[in-house]
Amino acid sequence: MVRAAKIYEPGDRRLFSNNLQCYSCGNTRSFSIDLRLRHKVEVTPAGIEVSLDRAKTDKVLQALQRNLCKVLDGGFYRDNPRIHCANCEEGETVDMVERILDVCWMEGCPGCWYCGNFIPKDDLIETCSDCLVQNEGQVNEEGCLYSCPNYDQGLSQVRDHYGISLDSLRKQLGYPDPPAG
């Protein structure tokens, strides 16, 4: 039986510098790395012993720590990721937390599942209310997602985070439900 991958919500993540994050499940805690390490095989009276050369292994691990971004990028460019999420087994979706946050920051993200940095609730309500008033209440979820004047992907994830629906905001402003489609 296949184990279901856990989904790590933004509050469950460890966000510190030089950490990895999986885009698919939000994991920031455990990853697997494909490494080729030399090992020694010795035949002894007790049987076969397999061991690693400690000095060489330490050098490889130190080099990996110093060059983690290069290892990630090399996997992306060669379509052969070396670092995989230990939770969902994805490799193509693992990146550095700082780079994920930088992308959101450069796009002016108001908050999303990836970064977990949501704008304040009052700002959200004010922004969505202004949009509803400008459009005389004729904004539906699809229109918000694809043509929000305030953000490219709308504010639906931020509204979901705070438990606010577009319909409830529309009703608070006194507008009827918009036509379907």
Protein backbone atom coordinates (compact mmCIF):
# COMPACT_ATOMS: atom_id res chain seq x y z
CA MET A 1 0.00 0.00 0.00
CA VAL A 2 1.36 3.41 -1.00
CA ARG A 3 1.70 5.94 1.80
CA ALA A 4 -0.17 9.20 1.22
CA ALA A 5 2.09 12.24 1.26
CA LYS A 6 1.44 14.73 4.04
CA ILE A 7 0.66 18.30 3.01
CA TYR A 8 2.63 20.85 5.03
CA GLU A 9 0.69 24.08 5.45
CA PRO A 10 2.67 27.35 5.70
CA GLY A 11 2.44 27.38 9.51
CA ASP A 12 3.95 23.87 9.72
CA ARG A 13 7.09 24.70 7.73
CA ARG A 14 10.55 25.48 9.00
CA LEU A 15 11.57 28.69 7.28
CA PHE A 16 15.21 29.49 7.79
CA SER A 17 18.07 30.34 5.50
CA ASN A 18 19.66 27.64 3.37
CA ASN A 19 16.68 25.32 3.75
CA LEU A 20 14.93 23.33 1.04
CA GLN A 21 11.20 23.31 0.28
CA CYS A 22 9.06 21.10 -1.93
CA TYR A 23 6.61 23.00 -4.15
CA SER A 24 4.27 19.99 -4.28
CA CYS A 25 3.67 19.23 -0.59
CA GLY A 26 5.33 22.12 1.28
CA ASN A 27 7.83 19.84 3.05
CA THR A 28 10.80 21.69 4.55
CA ARG A 29 12.02 18.92 6.85
CA SER A 30 13.33 15.83 5.05
CA PHE A 31 14.86 15.15 1.66
CA SER A 32 16.84 12.39 0.02
CA ILE A 33 19.94 12.93 -2.06
CA ASP A 34 21.25 10.68 -4.81
CA LEU A 35 24.99 10.37 -4.13
CA ARG A 36 27.61 8.03 -5.43
CA LEU A 37 30.03 7.40 -2.60
CA ARG A 38 32.92 5.01 -2.75
CA HIS A 39 32.67 2.19 -0.32
CA LYS A 40 35.01 -0.50 0.88
CA VAL A 41 34.03 -4.13 0.77
CA GLU A 42 36.07 -6.49 2.95
CA VAL A 43 35.74 -10.21 3.37
CA THR A 44 36.28 -11.13 7.01
CA PRO A 45 35.82 -14.37 8.92
CA ALA A 46 32.51 -12.92 10.20
CA GLY A 47 31.26 -12.25 6.66
CA ILE A 48 31.31 -9.36 4.23
CA GLU A 49 31.71 -5.85 5.68
CA VAL A 50 30.73 -2.78 3.71
CA SER A 51 31.97 0.60 4.95
CA LEU A 52 32.51 4.15 3.77
CA ASP A 53 35.76 6.05 3.91
CA ARG A 54 34.93 8.65 6.56
CA ALA A 55 37.35 11.33 5.30
CA LYS A 56 36.06 11.18 1.71
CA THR A 57 32.43 11.06 2.84
CA ASP A 58 32.95 14.14 5.02
CA LYS A 59 34.53 16.00 2.09
CA VAL A 60 31.59 15.14 -0.17
CA LEU A 61 29.05 16.26 2.45
CA GLN A 62 30.88 19.55 3.05
CA ALA A 63 31.06 20.23 -0.69
CA LEU A 64 27.35 19.45 -0.98
CA GLN A 65 26.52 21.93 1.79
CA ARG A 66 28.57 24.67 0.13
CA ASN A 67 27.16 24.02 -3.34
CA LEU A 68 23.55 23.04 -2.68
CA CYS A 69 22.15 25.62 -5.13
CA LYS A 70 24.46 24.34 -7.88
CA VAL A 71 23.33 20.76 -7.23
CA LEU A 72 19.67 21.83 -7.46
CA ASP A 73 20.23 23.86 -10.63
CA GLY A 74 22.26 21.09 -12.25
CA GLY A 75 19.39 18.66 -11.68
CA PHE A 76 16.88 21.11 -13.17
CA TYR A 77 18.95 21.76 -16.29
CA ARG A 78 19.72 18.09 -16.92
CA ASP A 79 16.20 16.85 -16.08
CA ASN A 80 17.84 14.58 -13.54
CA PRO A 81 17.27 15.99 -10.06
CA ARG A 82 19.64 14.74 -7.36
CA ILE A 83 17.57 15.99 -4.42
CA HIS A 84 14.12 14.54 -3.83
CA CYS A 85 11.39 15.24 -1.30
CA ALA A 86 11.31 12.38 1.21
CA ASN A 87 7.60 13.01 1.75
CA CYS A 88 6.11 12.98 -1.77
CA GLU A 89 9.14 11.61 -3.68
CA GLU A 90 9.13 14.57 -6.11
CA GLY A 91 12.48 15.80 -7.35
CA GLU A 92 11.59 18.44 -9.90
CA THR A 93 9.72 20.48 -7.30
CA VAL A 94 12.43 20.94 -4.66
CA ASP A 95 14.03 24.37 -4.39
CA MET A 96 15.59 26.70 -1.82
CA VAL A 97 13.11 28.50 0.47
CA GLU A 98 14.80 31.85 -0.23
CA ARG A 99 14.29 31.47 -3.97
CA ILE A 100 10.62 30.60 -3.53
CA LEU A 101 10.12 33.66 -1.32
CA ASP A 102 12.08 35.85 -3.77
CA VAL A 103 9.78 34.87 -6.64
CA CYS A 104 6.71 35.78 -4.57
CA TRP A 105 8.30 39.04 -3.44
CA MET A 106 9.27 40.06 -6.99
CA GLU A 107 5.73 39.35 -8.24
CA GLY A 108 4.19 41.38 -5.42
CA CYS A 109 2.43 38.31 -4.07
CA PRO A 110 -0.34 39.22 -1.58
CA GLY A 111 0.01 35.77 -0.04
CA CYS A 112 -0.11 32.25 -1.34
CA TRP A 113 0.34 28.66 -0.22
CA TYR A 114 3.97 28.65 -1.37
CA CYS A 115 5.23 31.63 0.64
CA GLY A 116 2.63 31.75 3.43
CA ASN A 117 3.06 35.54 3.81
CA PHE A 118 -0.51 36.84 3.62
CA ILE A 119 -1.50 40.51 3.52
CA PRO A 120 -3.51 41.68 6.56
CA LYS A 121 -7.19 40.75 6.62
CA ASP A 122 -8.30 44.41 6.67
CA ASP A 123 -6.26 45.16 3.52
CA LEU A 124 -7.82 42.16 1.79
CA ILE A 125 -11.35 43.24 2.64
CA GLU A 126 -10.67 46.82 1.55
CA THR A 127 -9.09 45.74 -1.74
CA CYS A 128 -11.83 43.27 -2.66
CA SER A 129 -14.57 45.70 -1.59
CA ASP A 130 -13.09 48.46 -3.77
CA CYS A 131 -12.99 46.07 -6.75
CA LEU A 132 -16.60 44.98 -6.16
CA VAL A 133 -17.78 48.60 -5.94
CA GLN A 134 -15.88 49.56 -9.14
CA ASN A 135 -17.47 46.62 -10.98
CA GLU A 136 -20.92 47.10 -9.39
CA GLY A 137 -20.75 43.66 -7.80
CA GLN A 138 -20.31 41.86 -11.14
CA VAL A 139 -17.18 39.94 -10.16
CA ASN A 140 -17.23 36.16 -9.83
CA GLU A 141 -14.49 33.75 -8.73
CA GLU A 142 -13.28 33.16 -12.28
CA GLY A 143 -13.16 36.88 -13.02
CA CYS A 144 -11.22 37.44 -9.82
CA LEU A 145 -8.73 34.71 -10.68
CA TYR A 146 -8.02 35.84 -14.24
CA SER A 147 -8.63 39.60 -14.29
CA CYS A 148 -8.00 40.91 -10.78
CA PRO A 149 -6.62 44.45 -11.12
CA ASN A 150 -4.63 44.03 -7.91
CA TYR A 151 -2.83 40.75 -8.51
CA ASP A 152 -2.25 38.42 -11.47
CA GLN A 153 -3.76 35.33 -9.85
CA GLY A 154 -6.45 37.12 -7.87
CA LEU A 155 -6.79 37.12 -4.12
CA SER A 156 -8.63 33.81 -3.78
CA GLN A 157 -5.86 32.10 -1.77
CA VAL A 158 -5.73 35.02 0.64
CA ARG A 159 -9.54 34.96 1.00
CA ASP A 160 -9.41 31.20 1.59
CA HIS A 161 -6.71 31.72 4.22
CA TYR A 162 -8.94 34.13 6.15
CA GLY A 163 -12.16 32.19 5.44
CA ILE A 164 -13.78 35.03 3.49
CA SER A 165 -15.81 34.30 0.39
CA LEU A 166 -16.41 36.68 -2.51
CA ASP A 167 -20.16 36.05 -2.13
CA SER A 168 -20.13 37.14 1.53
CA LEU A 169 -18.28 40.35 0.64
CA ARG A 170 -20.72 41.01 -2.19
CA LYS A 171 -23.69 40.52 0.15
CA GLN A 172 -22.14 42.81 2.80
CA LEU A 173 -21.95 45.54 0.16
CA GLY A 174 -25.58 44.93 -0.84
CA TYR A 175 -25.02 43.46 -4.32
CA PRO A 176 -27.01 40.50 -5.65
CA ASP A 177 -25.24 37.37 -6.92
CA PRO A 178 -23.68 37.90 -10.37
CA PRO A 179 -24.97 35.93 -13.34
CA ALA A 180 -23.30 32.54 -13.84
CA GLY A 181 -20.40 32.34 -16.33
